[in-house]
Amino acid sequence: MIQVLKLYKENIKYIENSFKYDINNGVIEGTNNLIKCIKRIAFGYRKYEHFVARIFLIKGIIKE
């Protein structure tokens, strides 16, 4: 219990900021996860450009 209170005291300003500001890195984490999934599913692209095009297609950045 003492360790928990010590950790809380050391990080109180960060905890308060998480409630105060509505900013997070969820979108970036989701994009990274998407890229990793594409790499696993479509292993062995012959060209890097094809891999990048696949990412853009799935994210909806470019159209077919």
C-alpha atoms as a PDB file:
ATOM      1  CA  MET A   1       0.000   0.000   0.000  1.00  0.00           C
ATOM      2  CA  ILE A   2       2.860   2.362   0.771  1.00  0.00           C
ATOM      3  CA  GLN A   3       4.367   1.768  -2.671  1.00  0.00           C
ATOM      4  CA  VAL A   4       1.053   2.625  -4.319  1.00  0.00           C
ATOM      5  CA  LEU A   5       0.765   5.900  -2.412  1.00  0.00           C
ATOM      6  CA  LYS A   6       4.372   6.787  -3.226  1.00  0.00           C
ATOM      7  CA  LEU A   7       3.775   6.082  -6.926  1.00  0.00           C
ATOM      8  CA  TYR A   8       0.603   8.180  -6.813  1.00  0.00           C
ATOM      9  CA  LYS A   9       2.423  11.129  -5.192  1.00  0.00           C
ATOM     10  CA  GLU A  10       5.251  10.993  -7.723  1.00  0.00           C
ATOM     11  CA  ASN A  11       2.855  10.988 -10.685  1.00  0.00           C
ATOM     12  CA  ILE A  12       0.000  13.188  -9.468  1.00  0.00           C
ATOM     13  CA  LYS A  13       0.619  15.938 -12.049  1.00  0.00           C
ATOM     14  CA  TYR A  14       0.476  13.413 -14.912  1.00  0.00           C
ATOM     15  CA  ILE A  15      -2.708  11.879 -13.550  1.00  0.00           C
ATOM     16  CA  GLU A  16      -4.318  15.316 -13.265  1.00  0.00           C
ATOM     17  CA  ASN A  17      -3.266  16.190 -16.816  1.00  0.00           C
ATOM     18  CA  SER A  18      -4.881  13.021 -18.150  1.00  0.00           C
ATOM     19  CA  PHE A  19      -8.235  14.238 -16.792  1.00  0.00           C
ATOM     20  CA  LYS A  20      -7.662  17.876 -17.726  1.00  0.00           C
ATOM     21  CA  TYR A  21      -6.698  17.401 -21.389  1.00  0.00           C
ATOM     22  CA  ASP A  22      -8.444  15.189 -23.911  1.00  0.00           C
ATOM     23  CA  ILE A  23      -5.316  14.219 -25.824  1.00  0.00           C
ATOM     24  CA  ASN A  24      -4.063  10.661 -26.306  1.00  0.00           C
ATOM     25  CA  ASN A  25      -2.088   8.582 -28.764  1.00  0.00           C
ATOM     26  CA  GLY A  26      -4.851   6.086 -29.556  1.00  0.00           C
ATOM     27  CA  VAL A  27      -4.980   6.913 -33.265  1.00  0.00           C
ATOM     28  CA  ILE A  28      -1.243   6.392 -33.675  1.00  0.00           C
ATOM     29  CA  GLU A  29      -1.329   3.132 -31.724  1.00  0.00           C
ATOM     30  CA  GLY A  30      -4.197   1.924 -33.890  1.00  0.00           C
ATOM     31  CA  THR A  31      -2.294   2.758 -37.071  1.00  0.00           C
ATOM     32  CA  ASN A  32       0.791   0.937 -35.806  1.00  0.00           C
ATOM     33  CA  ASN A  33      -1.322  -2.106 -34.986  1.00  0.00           C
ATOM     34  CA  LEU A  34      -2.899  -2.002 -38.458  1.00  0.00           C
ATOM     35  CA  ILE A  35       0.528  -1.924 -40.120  1.00  0.00           C
ATOM     36  CA  LYS A  36       1.715  -4.866 -38.029  1.00  0.00           C
ATOM     37  CA  CYS A  37      -1.393  -6.855 -38.955  1.00  0.00           C
ATOM     38  CA  ILE A  38      -0.884  -6.124 -42.664  1.00  0.00           C
ATOM     39  CA  LYS A  39       2.730  -7.266 -42.369  1.00  0.00           C
ATOM     40  CA  ARG A  40       1.643 -10.550 -40.782  1.00  0.00           C
ATOM     41  CA  ILE A  41      -1.183 -11.242 -43.224  1.00  0.00           C
ATOM     42  CA  ALA A  42       0.587 -10.247 -46.433  1.00  0.00           C
ATOM     43  CA  PHE A  43       4.097 -11.455 -45.728  1.00  0.00           C
ATOM     44  CA  GLY A  44       6.433 -11.248 -48.700  1.00  0.00           C
ATOM     45  CA  TYR A  45       5.527  -8.209 -50.756  1.00  0.00           C
ATOM     46  CA  ARG A  46       7.970  -7.962 -53.643  1.00  0.00           C
ATOM     47  CA  LYS A  47       8.146  -4.177 -53.507  1.00  0.00           C
ATOM     48  CA  TYR A  48       7.990  -1.825 -50.557  1.00  0.00           C
ATOM     49  CA  GLU A  49       5.771   0.505 -52.603  1.00  0.00           C
ATOM     50  CA  HIS A  50       3.095  -2.214 -52.785  1.00  0.00           C
ATOM     51  CA  PHE A  51       3.178  -2.572 -49.006  1.00  0.00           C
ATOM     52  CA  VAL A  52       2.766   1.180 -48.522  1.00  0.00           C
ATOM     53  CA  ALA A  53      -0.043   1.280 -51.083  1.00  0.00           C
ATOM     54  CA  ARG A  54      -1.847  -1.493 -49.180  1.00  0.00           C
ATOM     55  CA  ILE A  55      -1.617   0.509 -45.943  1.00  0.00           C
ATOM     56  CA  PHE A  56      -2.970   3.643 -47.628  1.00  0.00           C
ATOM     57  CA  LEU A  57      -5.784   1.651 -49.248  1.00  0.00           C
ATOM     58  CA  ILE A  58      -6.922   0.092 -45.980  1.00  0.00           C
ATOM     59  CA  LYS A  59      -6.672   3.390 -44.083  1.00  0.00           C
ATOM     60  CA  GLY A  60      -8.754   5.070 -46.787  1.00  0.00           C
ATOM     61  CA  ILE A  61      -6.094   7.629 -47.654  1.00  0.00           C
ATOM     62  CA  ILE A  62      -6.192   6.679 -51.339  1.00  0.00           C
ATOM     63  CA  LYS A  63      -8.977   5.152 -53.381  1.00  0.00           C
ATOM     64  CA  GLU A  64      -8.722   2.188 -55.761  1.00  0.00           C
END
